[in-house]
Amino acid sequence: MTDTPPDRLSVDPRSPFYNEEVLARDVGIRFKGVEKTNVEEYCVSENWVRVSVPNSKDRRGNPLTLKLTGQVEPYYKTQA
């Protein structure tokens, strides 16, 4: 594995961008220079993150998410 997180990653196992090995390394996200802990999915090349909205569910019972655009900086919190 490299020391650079992937361009796109999701925490939802149903997503094609889900990667359990990468998530096991504890990926952190800085969005517009601020540490975010509620990120469900991100894409560096397209400059967006999906964040979960507290206490809100969609019609299928999944957490409601908002897509925010801006500078995305993923990093590994722990070293391999």
Protein backbone atom coordinates (compact mmCIF):
# COMPACT_ATOMS: atom_id res chain seq x y z
CA MET A 1 0.00 0.00 0.00
CA THR A 2 1.06 3.56 -0.62
CA ASP A 3 1.12 6.39 1.92
CA THR A 4 -1.40 8.36 -0.15
CA PRO A 5 -5.11 7.64 0.36
CA PRO A 6 -7.17 6.90 -2.78
CA ASP A 7 -8.75 9.66 -4.88
CA ARG A 8 -12.23 8.51 -3.91
CA LEU A 9 -13.39 6.51 -0.90
CA SER A 10 -16.70 5.62 0.74
CA VAL A 11 -17.56 4.09 4.13
CA ASP A 12 -20.72 2.46 2.71
CA PRO A 13 -20.11 -1.25 1.91
CA ARG A 14 -22.64 -1.07 -0.96
CA SER A 15 -20.58 1.58 -2.78
CA PRO A 16 -18.12 0.60 -5.55
CA PHE A 17 -15.61 2.96 -3.85
CA TYR A 18 -15.64 1.07 -0.54
CA ASN A 19 -12.23 -0.35 0.42
CA GLU A 20 -12.00 -2.12 3.78
CA GLU A 21 -8.18 -2.31 3.75
CA VAL A 22 -7.83 1.46 3.35
CA LEU A 23 -10.47 2.20 5.99
CA ALA A 24 -8.64 -0.09 8.45
CA ARG A 25 -5.69 2.34 8.29
CA ASP A 26 -7.91 5.10 9.75
CA VAL A 27 -8.28 7.78 7.07
CA GLY A 28 -8.75 11.37 8.22
CA ILE A 29 -10.25 14.18 6.14
CA ARG A 30 -9.49 17.90 6.16
CA PHE A 31 -12.17 19.84 4.29
CA LYS A 32 -11.33 23.49 3.62
CA GLY A 33 -8.60 23.17 6.26
CA VAL A 34 -10.95 21.89 8.99
CA GLU A 35 -10.89 18.33 10.36
CA LYS A 36 -14.19 16.54 9.58
CA THR A 37 -15.31 13.41 11.44
CA ASN A 38 -18.71 12.87 9.79
CA VAL A 39 -17.54 12.27 6.19
CA GLU A 40 -19.34 9.38 4.46
CA GLU A 41 -17.58 9.69 1.07
CA TYR A 42 -15.04 11.97 -0.57
CA CYS A 43 -13.49 12.66 -3.97
CA VAL A 44 -10.25 14.65 -4.20
CA SER A 45 -10.23 15.15 -7.99
CA GLU A 46 -13.78 16.54 -8.02
CA ASN A 47 -13.34 18.53 -4.74
CA TRP A 48 -16.35 17.29 -2.78
CA VAL A 49 -17.30 15.39 0.37
CA ARG A 50 -20.55 13.83 1.53
CA VAL A 51 -21.23 14.44 5.21
CA SER A 52 -23.93 12.81 7.30
CA VAL A 53 -26.63 14.99 8.83
CA PRO A 54 -27.23 14.18 12.51
CA ASN A 55 -30.65 12.82 13.49
CA SER A 56 -31.87 12.61 9.88
CA LYS A 57 -32.62 9.47 7.88
CA ASP A 58 -33.67 8.94 4.28
CA ARG A 59 -36.73 6.85 3.36
CA ARG A 60 -34.67 3.63 3.53
CA GLY A 61 -33.35 4.36 7.03
CA ASN A 62 -29.84 5.33 5.91
CA PRO A 63 -28.19 8.52 7.23
CA LEU A 64 -29.09 11.60 5.21
CA THR A 65 -26.03 13.14 3.52
CA LEU A 66 -25.14 16.52 2.06
CA LYS A 67 -22.63 17.06 -0.74
CA LEU A 68 -20.25 19.92 0.01
CA THR A 69 -17.68 21.29 -2.43
CA GLY A 70 -14.25 22.62 -1.55
CA GLN A 71 -10.65 21.57 -1.02
CA VAL A 72 -10.37 17.96 0.24
CA GLU A 73 -7.20 16.63 1.93
CA PRO A 74 -7.30 12.94 2.93
CA TYR A 75 -4.51 11.53 5.10
CA TYR A 76 -3.75 8.46 7.19
CA LYS A 77 -3.98 9.06 10.96
CA THR A 78 -1.84 6.00 11.72
CA GLN A 79 1.26 4.81 9.93
CA ALA A 80 1.37 1.32 8.37
